[in-house]
Amino acid sequence: MRKKSGRAVYSLRQNIEGYSFIGLFVIGFLTFTVLPILMSLVFSFTKYDILSPPEFVGLKNYIQMFTGDRQFWVSFGVTLFYVVVSVPLRLMFALAVAMLLQKTTRMTTFYRAAYYLPTIIGSSIAISVVWRQMFSSDGLVNSLINRIFHTDIDISWIGGEKTAIWTLIILSIWQYGSSMLIFLSGLKQIPRDLYEAADIDGATRMRSFFRITLPMLTPVIFFNLVMQLIQGFMTFTQSYVITQGMPMDKTLFITVYVYRNSFTYYKMGYGCAIAWFLLVFMATITVLLFQSSNKWVFYQAEGGD
């Protein structure tokens, strides 16, 4: 009995110590993450202008969103186009760079750090301001084009209806560092004897890539795809700082539209409703990806079934 009692006291002490270490995080997570999320759900059913108490309106915000707000659908279409184009391009570029960095040299560590740097600073305000200046009519991009091709163009790339969104897509592709490191880790896990067997059979590098590298990387591709899709739909700084949704709402991301409604038009309830629509949409896409993964994701531990 004494031994059992001693073990129980020791176990309780360990639990208390563990809870004391995670206590601050749990309190902060509940206070600054879970509670605001739940409050935003409540506000989405209200008319709330921040300055006065919220007024319950039921599904009016959602009905307005789907049936009476053309700008909402414009922002959703812009965001969808941005994600559909930028995410695959970013993943392809990250995989290409990861394959180049497979070989270990004296400068490999430096190269990996240098290629990862854009991911750290790419979403910052400073980089967005620099990017806006680079693609302006008197920016670096036009200067390089004029010097290389001996032209005299003064196009405002961020001001053109057809080019503005592409400046943001290029910035997104440039932030490939995190995906690149994950791809690099996945490439190192592929058994080398598979490539040796392919060489003996006379397979070309291209055939080995499509028959060995890509199938073995599908779990990593799946992970990167899900994470980058979520990040793409949540993009805010680039649009808000570089173009502010202009010109003609061609770069109006749905996150910027949420911000406008909530803090510019003082329609916090409507902004919360749009945010919850985005959350449900991203959750639906994620669930569909997980359901389809058994048809194209190869897990070596499962024997390829």
C-alpha atoms as a PDB file:
ATOM      1  CA  MET A   1       0.000   0.000   0.000  1.00  0.00           C
ATOM      2  CA  ARG A   2       2.830   2.359   0.862  1.00  0.00           C
ATOM      3  CA  LYS A   3       4.529   1.645  -2.470  1.00  0.00           C
ATOM      4  CA  LYS A   4       1.317   2.335  -4.387  1.00  0.00           C
ATOM      5  CA  SER A   5       0.710   5.506  -2.391  1.00  0.00           C
ATOM      6  CA  GLY A   6       4.276   6.651  -3.038  1.00  0.00           C
ATOM      7  CA  ARG A   7       3.919   6.008  -6.759  1.00  0.00           C
ATOM      8  CA  ALA A   8       0.633   7.927  -6.854  1.00  0.00           C
ATOM      9  CA  VAL A   9       2.219  10.917  -5.092  1.00  0.00           C
ATOM     10  CA  TYR A  10       5.217  10.800  -7.445  1.00  0.00           C
ATOM     11  CA  SER A  11       2.918  10.569 -10.482  1.00  0.00           C
ATOM     12  CA  LEU A  12       0.803  13.482  -9.218  1.00  0.00           C
ATOM     13  CA  ARG A  13       3.938  15.545  -8.678  1.00  0.00           C
ATOM     14  CA  GLN A  14       5.092  14.816 -12.220  1.00  0.00           C
ATOM     15  CA  ASN A  15       1.688  15.830 -13.591  1.00  0.00           C
ATOM     16  CA  ILE A  16       1.739  19.080 -11.632  1.00  0.00           C
ATOM     17  CA  GLU A  17       5.214  19.875 -12.915  1.00  0.00           C
ATOM     18  CA  GLY A  18       4.139  19.140 -16.484  1.00  0.00           C
ATOM     19  CA  TYR A  19       1.003  21.262 -16.221  1.00  0.00           C
ATOM     20  CA  SER A  20       3.015  24.095 -14.703  1.00  0.00           C
ATOM     21  CA  PHE A  21       5.335  24.110 -17.737  1.00  0.00           C
ATOM     22  CA  ILE A  22       2.508  24.162 -20.295  1.00  0.00           C
ATOM     23  CA  GLY A  23       0.134  26.259 -18.191  1.00  0.00           C
ATOM     24  CA  LEU A  24       1.156  29.643 -19.587  1.00  0.00           C
ATOM     25  CA  PHE A  25       0.908  28.387 -23.149  1.00  0.00           C
ATOM     26  CA  VAL A  26      -2.516  26.836 -22.562  1.00  0.00           C
ATOM     27  CA  ILE A  27      -3.820  30.025 -20.932  1.00  0.00           C
ATOM     28  CA  GLY A  28      -2.440  32.142 -23.757  1.00  0.00           C
ATOM     29  CA  PHE A  29      -3.796  29.777 -26.411  1.00  0.00           C
ATOM     30  CA  LEU A  30      -7.278  29.744 -24.888  1.00  0.00           C
ATOM     31  CA  THR A  31      -7.311  33.499 -24.278  1.00  0.00           C
ATOM     32  CA  PHE A  32      -5.795  34.794 -27.504  1.00  0.00           C
ATOM     33  CA  THR A  33      -6.734  32.063 -29.997  1.00  0.00           C
ATOM     34  CA  VAL A  34      -9.707  29.902 -29.004  1.00  0.00           C
ATOM     35  CA  LEU A  35     -11.749  32.667 -27.358  1.00  0.00           C
ATOM     36  CA  PRO A  36     -11.375  35.152 -30.278  1.00  0.00           C
ATOM     37  CA  ILE A  37     -12.320  32.399 -32.751  1.00  0.00           C
ATOM     38  CA  LEU A  38     -15.484  31.589 -30.821  1.00  0.00           C
ATOM     39  CA  MET A  39     -16.304  35.283 -30.426  1.00  0.00           C
ATOM     40  CA  SER A  40     -15.895  35.810 -34.183  1.00  0.00           C
ATOM     41  CA  LEU A  41     -18.384  32.993 -34.788  1.00  0.00           C
ATOM     42  CA  VAL A  42     -20.891  34.735 -32.521  1.00  0.00           C
ATOM     43  CA  PHE A  43     -20.234  38.118 -34.160  1.00  0.00           C
ATOM     44  CA  SER A  44     -20.838  36.609 -37.614  1.00  0.00           C
ATOM     45  CA  PHE A  45     -24.530  36.375 -36.715  1.00  0.00           C
ATOM     46  CA  THR A  46     -24.703  39.990 -35.565  1.00  0.00           C
ATOM     47  CA  LYS A  47     -24.605  43.548 -36.861  1.00  0.00           C
ATOM     48  CA  TYR A  48     -21.575  44.893 -35.059  1.00  0.00           C
ATOM     49  CA  ASP A  49     -19.704  48.135 -35.796  1.00  0.00           C
ATOM     50  CA  ILE A  50     -17.186  47.862 -32.903  1.00  0.00           C
ATOM     51  CA  LEU A  51     -18.398  51.173 -31.428  1.00  0.00           C
ATOM     52  CA  SER A  52     -21.805  49.923 -30.278  1.00  0.00           C
ATOM     53  CA  PRO A  53     -23.100  46.658 -28.820  1.00  0.00           C
ATOM     54  CA  PRO A  54     -23.679  43.831 -31.339  1.00  0.00           C
ATOM     55  CA  GLU A  55     -27.217  43.305 -32.633  1.00  0.00           C
ATOM     56  CA  PHE A  56     -28.281  39.755 -33.496  1.00  0.00           C
ATOM     57  CA  VAL A  57     -29.388  39.436 -37.148  1.00  0.00           C
ATOM     58  CA  GLY A  58     -29.283  35.662 -37.672  1.00  0.00           C
ATOM     59  CA  LEU A  59     -28.140  34.541 -41.127  1.00  0.00           C
ATOM     60  CA  LYS A  60     -28.436  37.995 -42.676  1.00  0.00           C
ATOM     61  CA  ASN A  61     -24.670  38.428 -43.073  1.00  0.00           C
ATOM     62  CA  TYR A  62     -24.315  35.080 -44.838  1.00  0.00           C
ATOM     63  CA  ILE A  63     -27.300  35.742 -47.097  1.00  0.00           C
ATOM     64  CA  GLN A  64     -25.855  39.134 -47.996  1.00  0.00           C
ATOM     65  CA  MET A  65     -22.493  37.540 -48.684  1.00  0.00           C
ATOM     66  CA  PHE A  66     -23.784  34.921 -51.116  1.00  0.00           C
ATOM     67  CA  THR A  67     -26.570  36.854 -52.834  1.00  0.00           C
ATOM     68  CA  GLY A  68     -25.965  40.586 -52.563  1.00  0.00           C
ATOM     69  CA  ASP A  69     -22.228  41.265 -52.479  1.00  0.00           C
ATOM     70  CA  ARG A  70     -20.551  41.180 -55.869  1.00  0.00           C
ATOM     71  CA  GLN A  71     -17.233  42.391 -54.432  1.00  0.00           C
ATOM     72  CA  PHE A  72     -17.089  39.341 -52.162  1.00  0.00           C
ATOM     73  CA  TRP A  73     -17.170  37.012 -55.175  1.00  0.00           C
ATOM     74  CA  VAL A  74     -14.571  39.162 -56.934  1.00  0.00           C
ATOM     75  CA  SER A  75     -12.206  38.872 -53.960  1.00  0.00           C
ATOM     76  CA  PHE A  76     -12.862  35.146 -53.666  1.00  0.00           C
ATOM     77  CA  GLY A  77     -12.126  34.645 -57.373  1.00  0.00           C
ATOM     78  CA  VAL A  78      -8.900  36.652 -57.132  1.00  0.00           C
ATOM     79  CA  THR A  79      -7.777  34.627 -54.110  1.00  0.00           C
ATOM     80  CA  LEU A  80      -8.656  31.339 -55.790  1.00  0.00           C
ATOM     81  CA  PHE A  81      -6.709  32.259 -58.934  1.00  0.00           C
ATOM     82  CA  TYR A  82      -3.720  33.335 -56.834  1.00  0.00           C
ATOM     83  CA  VAL A  83      -3.673  30.057 -54.902  1.00  0.00           C
ATOM     84  CA  VAL A  84      -4.252  27.784 -57.908  1.00  0.00           C
ATOM     85  CA  VAL A  85      -1.390  29.402 -59.839  1.00  0.00           C
ATOM     86  CA  SER A  86       1.142  30.257 -57.131  1.00  0.00           C
ATOM     87  CA  VAL A  87       1.074  27.081 -55.031  1.00  0.00           C
ATOM     88  CA  PRO A  88       1.969  24.577 -57.810  1.00  0.00           C
ATOM     89  CA  LEU A  89       4.639  26.919 -59.180  1.00  0.00           C
ATOM     90  CA  ARG A  90       6.144  27.396 -55.738  1.00  0.00           C
ATOM     91  CA  LEU A  91       6.223  23.647 -55.087  1.00  0.00           C
ATOM     92  CA  MET A  92       7.798  22.895 -58.471  1.00  0.00           C
ATOM     93  CA  PHE A  93      10.438  25.565 -57.948  1.00  0.00           C
ATOM     94  CA  ALA A  94      11.141  24.331 -54.401  1.00  0.00           C
ATOM     95  CA  LEU A  95      11.552  20.746 -55.621  1.00  0.00           C
ATOM     96  CA  ALA A  96      13.907  21.818 -58.418  1.00  0.00           C
ATOM     97  CA  VAL A  97      16.126  23.756 -55.999  1.00  0.00           C
ATOM     98  CA  ALA A  98      16.047  20.902 -53.469  1.00  0.00           C
ATOM     99  CA  MET A  99      17.298  18.474 -56.119  1.00  0.00           C
ATOM    100  CA  LEU A 100      20.133  20.863 -56.968  1.00  0.00           C
ATOM    101  CA  LEU A 101      21.130  21.054 -53.283  1.00  0.00           C
ATOM    102  CA  GLN A 102      21.223  17.282 -52.780  1.00  0.00           C
ATOM    103  CA  LYS A 103      24.946  17.073 -53.370  1.00  0.00           C
ATOM    104  CA  THR A 104      26.985  18.045 -50.322  1.00  0.00           C
ATOM    105  CA  THR A 105      29.772  20.554 -50.849  1.00  0.00           C
ATOM    106  CA  ARG A 106      31.602  23.070 -48.695  1.00  0.00           C
ATOM    107  CA  MET A 107      29.082  25.755 -49.620  1.00  0.00           C
ATOM    108  CA  THR A 108      25.957  23.611 -49.218  1.00  0.00           C
ATOM    109  CA  THR A 109      25.116  24.971 -45.757  1.00  0.00           C
ATOM    110  CA  PHE A 110      25.475  28.539 -46.993  1.00  0.00           C
ATOM    111  CA  TYR A 111      23.309  27.875 -50.052  1.00  0.00           C
ATOM    112  CA  ARG A 112      20.558  26.275 -47.966  1.00  0.00           C
ATOM    113  CA  ALA A 113      20.512  29.213 -45.564  1.00  0.00           C
ATOM    114  CA  ALA A 114      20.525  31.704 -48.440  1.00  0.00           C
ATOM    115  CA  TYR A 115      17.680  29.959 -50.259  1.00  0.00           C
ATOM    116  CA  TYR A 116      15.649  29.703 -47.045  1.00  0.00           C
ATOM    117  CA  LEU A 117      16.063  33.406 -46.213  1.00  0.00           C
ATOM    118  CA  PRO A 118      13.220  34.645 -48.513  1.00  0.00           C
ATOM    119  CA  THR A 119      10.748  32.530 -46.536  1.00  0.00           C
ATOM    120  CA  ILE A 120      11.700  34.302 -43.313  1.00  0.00           C
ATOM    121  CA  ILE A 121      11.579  37.862 -44.636  1.00  0.00           C
ATOM    122  CA  GLY A 122       9.242  37.470 -47.618  1.00  0.00           C
ATOM    123  CA  SER A 123       6.022  38.232 -45.755  1.00  0.00           C
ATOM    124  CA  SER A 124       7.415  41.262 -43.947  1.00  0.00           C
ATOM    125  CA  ILE A 125       6.282  44.822 -44.504  1.00  0.00           C
ATOM    126  CA  ALA A 126       9.793  45.860 -45.569  1.00  0.00           C
ATOM    127  CA  ILE A 127       9.998  43.300 -48.379  1.00  0.00           C
ATOM    128  CA  SER A 128       6.506  44.244 -49.558  1.00  0.00           C
ATOM    129  CA  VAL A 129       7.564  47.899 -49.780  1.00  0.00           C
ATOM    130  CA  VAL A 130      10.737  46.939 -51.667  1.00  0.00           C
ATOM    131  CA  TRP A 131       8.721  44.723 -54.000  1.00  0.00           C
ATOM    132  CA  ARG A 132       6.304  47.570 -54.719  1.00  0.00           C
ATOM    133  CA  GLN A 133       9.205  49.810 -55.627  1.00  0.00           C
ATOM    134  CA  MET A 134      10.865  47.167 -57.795  1.00  0.00           C
ATOM    135  CA  PHE A 135       7.782  46.736 -60.003  1.00  0.00           C
ATOM    136  CA  SER A 136       6.841  50.406 -60.217  1.00  0.00           C
ATOM    137  CA  SER A 137       7.250  52.370 -63.447  1.00  0.00           C
ATOM    138  CA  ASP A 138      10.708  53.617 -62.412  1.00  0.00           C
ATOM    139  CA  GLY A 139      11.687  50.484 -60.518  1.00  0.00           C
ATOM    140  CA  LEU A 140      14.474  47.944 -60.824  1.00  0.00           C
ATOM    141  CA  VAL A 141      12.562  45.578 -63.128  1.00  0.00           C
ATOM    142  CA  ASN A 142      12.043  48.191 -65.829  1.00  0.00           C
ATOM    143  CA  SER A 143      15.653  49.371 -65.444  1.00  0.00           C
ATOM    144  CA  LEU A 144      16.977  45.841 -66.033  1.00  0.00           C
ATOM    145  CA  ILE A 145      14.685  45.256 -69.018  1.00  0.00           C
ATOM    146  CA  ASN A 146      15.690  48.567 -70.585  1.00  0.00           C
ATOM    147  CA  ARG A 147      19.382  47.901 -70.067  1.00  0.00           C
ATOM    148  CA  ILE A 148      19.328  44.317 -71.360  1.00  0.00           C
ATOM    149  CA  PHE A 149      17.019  44.799 -74.353  1.00  0.00           C
ATOM    150  CA  HIS A 150      17.858  48.470 -75.042  1.00  0.00           C
ATOM    151  CA  THR A 151      14.237  49.556 -74.684  1.00  0.00           C
ATOM    152  CA  ASP A 152      12.599  52.510 -72.993  1.00  0.00           C
ATOM    153  CA  ILE A 153       9.560  51.115 -71.212  1.00  0.00           C
ATOM    154  CA  ASP A 154       8.033  52.630 -68.094  1.00  0.00           C
ATOM    155  CA  ILE A 155       5.290  50.112 -67.314  1.00  0.00           C
ATOM    156  CA  SER A 156       3.856  50.088 -63.808  1.00  0.00           C
ATOM    157  CA  TRP A 157       3.635  46.340 -63.270  1.00  0.00           C
ATOM    158  CA  ILE A 158       1.752  46.708 -59.999  1.00  0.00           C
ATOM    159  CA  GLY A 159      -0.656  49.174 -61.602  1.00  0.00           C
ATOM    160  CA  GLY A 160      -1.650  47.113 -64.624  1.00  0.00           C
ATOM    161  CA  GLU A 161      -4.910  45.169 -64.496  1.00  0.00           C
ATOM    162  CA  LYS A 162      -3.295  42.148 -66.183  1.00  0.00           C
ATOM    163  CA  THR A 163       0.105  42.288 -64.495  1.00  0.00           C
ATOM    164  CA  ALA A 164      -0.582  43.293 -60.877  1.00  0.00           C
ATOM    165  CA  ILE A 165      -1.616  39.839 -59.687  1.00  0.00           C
ATOM    166  CA  TRP A 166       1.465  38.306 -61.314  1.00  0.00           C
ATOM    167  CA  THR A 167       3.793  40.502 -59.268  1.00  0.00           C
ATOM    168  CA  LEU A 168       2.245  38.980 -56.138  1.00  0.00           C
ATOM    169  CA  ILE A 169       2.475  35.472 -57.599  1.00  0.00           C
ATOM    170  CA  ILE A 170       6.195  35.993 -58.303  1.00  0.00           C
ATOM    171  CA  LEU A 171       6.679  37.123 -54.708  1.00  0.00           C
ATOM    172  CA  SER A 172       4.889  33.996 -53.511  1.00  0.00           C
ATOM    173  CA  ILE A 173       7.090  31.731 -55.644  1.00  0.00           C
ATOM    174  CA  TRP A 174      10.170  33.490 -54.279  1.00  0.00           C
ATOM    175  CA  GLN A 175       9.169  32.365 -50.767  1.00  0.00           C
ATOM    176  CA  TYR A 176       9.877  28.692 -51.480  1.00  0.00           C
ATOM    177  CA  GLY A 177      12.421  28.088 -48.712  1.00  0.00           C
ATOM    178  CA  SER A 178      10.359  26.060 -46.239  1.00  0.00           C
ATOM    179  CA  SER A 179       8.999  23.739 -48.924  1.00  0.00           C
ATOM    180  CA  MET A 180      12.510  23.368 -50.329  1.00  0.00           C
ATOM    181  CA  LEU A 181      13.937  22.178 -47.012  1.00  0.00           C
ATOM    182  CA  ILE A 182      11.107  19.677 -46.562  1.00  0.00           C
ATOM    183  CA  PHE A 183      11.635  18.373 -50.095  1.00  0.00           C
ATOM    184  CA  LEU A 184      15.360  18.117 -49.430  1.00  0.00           C
ATOM    185  CA  SER A 185      14.705  16.046 -46.320  1.00  0.00           C
ATOM    186  CA  GLY A 186      12.365  13.778 -48.294  1.00  0.00           C
ATOM    187  CA  LEU A 187      14.913  13.306 -51.084  1.00  0.00           C
ATOM    188  CA  LYS A 188      17.505  12.142 -48.583  1.00  0.00           C
ATOM    189  CA  GLN A 189      15.125   9.438 -47.339  1.00  0.00           C
ATOM    190  CA  ILE A 190      14.810   7.761 -50.755  1.00  0.00           C
ATOM    191  CA  PRO A 191      16.939   4.559 -50.786  1.00  0.00           C
ATOM    192  CA  ARG A 192      19.888   4.915 -53.155  1.00  0.00           C
ATOM    193  CA  ASP A 193      19.677   1.286 -54.218  1.00  0.00           C
ATOM    194  CA  LEU A 194      16.487   2.110 -56.144  1.00  0.00           C
ATOM    195  CA  TYR A 195      18.439   4.487 -58.364  1.00  0.00           C
ATOM    196  CA  GLU A 196      21.283   1.990 -58.711  1.00  0.00           C
ATOM    197  CA  ALA A 197      18.846  -0.690 -59.853  1.00  0.00           C
ATOM    198  CA  ALA A 198      17.309   1.756 -62.322  1.00  0.00           C
ATOM    199  CA  ASP A 199      20.752   2.580 -63.727  1.00  0.00           C
ATOM    200  CA  ILE A 200      21.483  -1.117 -64.203  1.00  0.00           C
ATOM    201  CA  ASP A 201      18.192  -1.486 -66.082  1.00  0.00           C
ATOM    202  CA  GLY A 202      19.199   1.413 -68.335  1.00  0.00           C
ATOM    203  CA  ALA A 203      16.633   3.930 -67.078  1.00  0.00           C
ATOM    204  CA  THR A 204      17.271   7.563 -67.949  1.00  0.00           C
ATOM    205  CA  ARG A 205      17.349  10.289 -65.303  1.00  0.00           C
ATOM    206  CA  MET A 206      13.968  11.550 -66.455  1.00  0.00           C
ATOM    207  CA  ARG A 207      12.444   8.086 -66.162  1.00  0.00           C
ATOM    208  CA  SER A 208      13.999   7.600 -62.711  1.00  0.00           C
ATOM    209  CA  PHE A 209      12.548  10.933 -61.634  1.00  0.00           C
ATOM    210  CA  PHE A 210       8.999  10.020 -62.644  1.00  0.00           C
ATOM    211  CA  ARG A 211       9.213   6.364 -61.597  1.00  0.00           C
ATOM    212  CA  ILE A 212      11.196   6.654 -58.364  1.00  0.00           C
ATOM    213  CA  THR A 213      11.630  10.213 -57.099  1.00  0.00           C
ATOM    214  CA  LEU A 214       8.080  11.507 -57.509  1.00  0.00           C
ATOM    215  CA  PRO A 215       6.289   8.379 -56.143  1.00  0.00           C
ATOM    216  CA  MET A 216       8.607   8.260 -53.126  1.00  0.00           C
ATOM    217  CA  LEU A 217       8.106  11.980 -52.519  1.00  0.00           C
ATOM    218  CA  THR A 218       4.311  11.913 -52.636  1.00  0.00           C
ATOM    219  CA  PRO A 219       3.920  12.034 -48.804  1.00  0.00           C
ATOM    220  CA  VAL A 220       6.144  15.129 -48.732  1.00  0.00           C
ATOM    221  CA  ILE A 221       4.325  16.627 -51.724  1.00  0.00           C
ATOM    222  CA  PHE A 222       1.013  16.017 -49.969  1.00  0.00           C
ATOM    223  CA  PHE A 223       2.203  17.715 -46.773  1.00  0.00           C
ATOM    224  CA  ASN A 224       3.645  20.706 -48.632  1.00  0.00           C
ATOM    225  CA  LEU A 225       0.517  21.007 -50.771  1.00  0.00           C
ATOM    226  CA  VAL A 226      -1.812  21.182 -47.768  1.00  0.00           C
ATOM    227  CA  MET A 227       0.372  23.650 -45.888  1.00  0.00           C
ATOM    228  CA  GLN A 228       0.938  25.914 -48.892  1.00  0.00           C
ATOM    229  CA  LEU A 229      -2.753  25.931 -49.812  1.00  0.00           C
ATOM    230  CA  ILE A 230      -3.660  27.096 -46.327  1.00  0.00           C
ATOM    231  CA  GLN A 231      -0.912  29.709 -46.381  1.00  0.00           C
ATOM    232  CA  GLY A 232      -2.006  30.881 -49.829  1.00  0.00           C
ATOM    233  CA  PHE A 233      -5.601  31.484 -48.770  1.00  0.00           C
ATOM    234  CA  MET A 234      -4.370  33.387 -45.711  1.00  0.00           C
ATOM    235  CA  THR A 235      -2.093  35.742 -47.675  1.00  0.00           C
ATOM    236  CA  PHE A 236      -2.669  39.320 -46.552  1.00  0.00           C
ATOM    237  CA  THR A 237       0.432  41.520 -46.263  1.00  0.00           C
ATOM    238  CA  GLN A 238       1.474  41.318 -49.920  1.00  0.00           C
ATOM    239  CA  SER A 239      -1.876  42.500 -51.251  1.00  0.00           C
ATOM    240  CA  TYR A 240      -2.517  45.078 -48.537  1.00  0.00           C
ATOM    241  CA  VAL A 241       0.913  46.743 -48.681  1.00  0.00           C
ATOM    242  CA  ILE A 242       1.919  46.369 -52.338  1.00  0.00           C
ATOM    243  CA  THR A 243      -1.322  46.977 -54.229  1.00  0.00           C
ATOM    244  CA  GLN A 244      -4.054  47.552 -51.591  1.00  0.00           C
ATOM    245  CA  GLY A 245      -6.333  45.412 -53.763  1.00  0.00           C
ATOM    246  CA  MET A 246      -5.937  47.662 -56.791  1.00  0.00           C
ATOM    247  CA  PRO A 247      -6.220  48.166 -59.679  1.00  0.00           C
ATOM    248  CA  MET A 248      -9.955  47.554 -60.110  1.00  0.00           C
ATOM    249  CA  ASP A 249      -9.907  44.934 -57.316  1.00  0.00           C
ATOM    250  CA  LYS A 250      -7.627  42.704 -59.429  1.00  0.00           C
ATOM    251  CA  THR A 251      -5.513  41.916 -56.365  1.00  0.00           C
ATOM    252  CA  LEU A 252      -8.199  42.162 -53.702  1.00  0.00           C
ATOM    253  CA  PHE A 253      -7.552  39.037 -51.650  1.00  0.00           C
ATOM    254  CA  ILE A 254     -10.392  37.845 -49.468  1.00  0.00           C
ATOM    255  CA  THR A 255      -8.319  38.466 -46.322  1.00  0.00           C
ATOM    256  CA  VAL A 256      -7.934  42.112 -47.337  1.00  0.00           C
ATOM    257  CA  TYR A 257     -11.677  42.268 -47.959  1.00  0.00           C
ATOM    258  CA  VAL A 258     -12.280  40.922 -44.453  1.00  0.00           C
ATOM    259  CA  TYR A 259     -10.003  43.643 -43.076  1.00  0.00           C
ATOM    260  CA  ARG A 260     -11.786  46.349 -45.070  1.00  0.00           C
ATOM    261  CA  ASN A 261     -15.211  45.348 -43.847  1.00  0.00           C
ATOM    262  CA  SER A 262     -14.112  44.931 -40.258  1.00  0.00           C
ATOM    263  CA  PHE A 263     -11.882  47.966 -39.714  1.00  0.00           C
ATOM    264  CA  THR A 264     -12.546  50.363 -42.612  1.00  0.00           C
ATOM    265  CA  TYR A 265     -16.304  50.047 -43.101  1.00  0.00           C
ATOM    266  CA  TYR A 266     -16.845  49.115 -39.416  1.00  0.00           C
ATOM    267  CA  LYS A 267     -18.884  46.034 -40.347  1.00  0.00           C
ATOM    268  CA  MET A 268     -17.216  43.627 -37.959  1.00  0.00           C
ATOM    269  CA  GLY A 269     -20.093  41.155 -38.005  1.00  0.00           C
ATOM    270  CA  TYR A 270     -20.008  40.896 -41.785  1.00  0.00           C
ATOM    271  CA  GLY A 271     -16.209  40.606 -41.757  1.00  0.00           C
ATOM    272  CA  CYS A 272     -16.429  37.723 -39.287  1.00  0.00           C
ATOM    273  CA  ALA A 273     -18.954  35.985 -41.532  1.00  0.00           C
ATOM    274  CA  ILE A 274     -16.570  36.195 -44.497  1.00  0.00           C
ATOM    275  CA  ALA A 275     -13.718  34.906 -42.334  1.00  0.00           C
ATOM    276  CA  TRP A 276     -15.795  31.903 -41.282  1.00  0.00           C
ATOM    277  CA  PHE A 277     -16.708  31.195 -44.892  1.00  0.00           C
ATOM    278  CA  LEU A 278     -12.985  31.152 -45.710  1.00  0.00           C
ATOM    279  CA  LEU A 279     -12.293  28.829 -42.774  1.00  0.00           C
ATOM    280  CA  VAL A 280     -14.995  26.368 -43.840  1.00  0.00           C
ATOM    281  CA  PHE A 281     -13.835  26.494 -47.464  1.00  0.00           C
ATOM    282  CA  MET A 282     -10.212  25.759 -46.511  1.00  0.00           C
ATOM    283  CA  ALA A 283     -11.339  22.933 -44.209  1.00  0.00           C
ATOM    284  CA  THR A 284     -13.392  21.423 -47.048  1.00  0.00           C
ATOM    285  CA  ILE A 285     -10.437  21.550 -49.466  1.00  0.00           C
ATOM    286  CA  THR A 286      -8.195  19.946 -46.839  1.00  0.00           C
ATOM    287  CA  VAL A 287     -10.678  17.142 -46.174  1.00  0.00           C
ATOM    288  CA  LEU A 288     -11.017  16.446 -49.915  1.00  0.00           C
ATOM    289  CA  LEU A 289      -7.236  16.262 -50.241  1.00  0.00           C
ATOM    290  CA  PHE A 290      -7.003  13.790 -47.365  1.00  0.00           C
ATOM    291  CA  GLN A 291      -9.758  11.654 -48.846  1.00  0.00           C
ATOM    292  CA  SER A 292      -8.046  11.561 -52.234  1.00  0.00           C
ATOM    293  CA  SER A 293      -4.565  10.910 -50.814  1.00  0.00           C
ATOM    294  CA  ASN A 294      -5.002   7.122 -50.764  1.00  0.00           C
ATOM    295  CA  LYS A 295      -5.191   7.187 -54.572  1.00  0.00           C
ATOM    296  CA  TRP A 296      -1.925   9.024 -55.247  1.00  0.00           C
ATOM    297  CA  VAL A 297       0.193   9.158 -52.072  1.00  0.00           C
ATOM    298  CA  PHE A 298       2.708   6.317 -51.739  1.00  0.00           C
ATOM    299  CA  TYR A 299       3.747   5.291 -48.244  1.00  0.00           C
ATOM    300  CA  GLN A 300       6.752   2.983 -48.213  1.00  0.00           C
ATOM    301  CA  ALA A 301       5.738   1.445 -44.881  1.00  0.00           C
ATOM    302  CA  GLU A 302       2.473   0.275 -46.455  1.00  0.00           C
ATOM    303  CA  GLY A 303       4.248  -1.520 -49.257  1.00  0.00           C
ATOM    304  CA  GLY A 304       2.907   0.818 -51.924  1.00  0.00           C
ATOM    305  CA  ASP A 305      -0.740  -0.262 -51.542  1.00  0.00           C
END
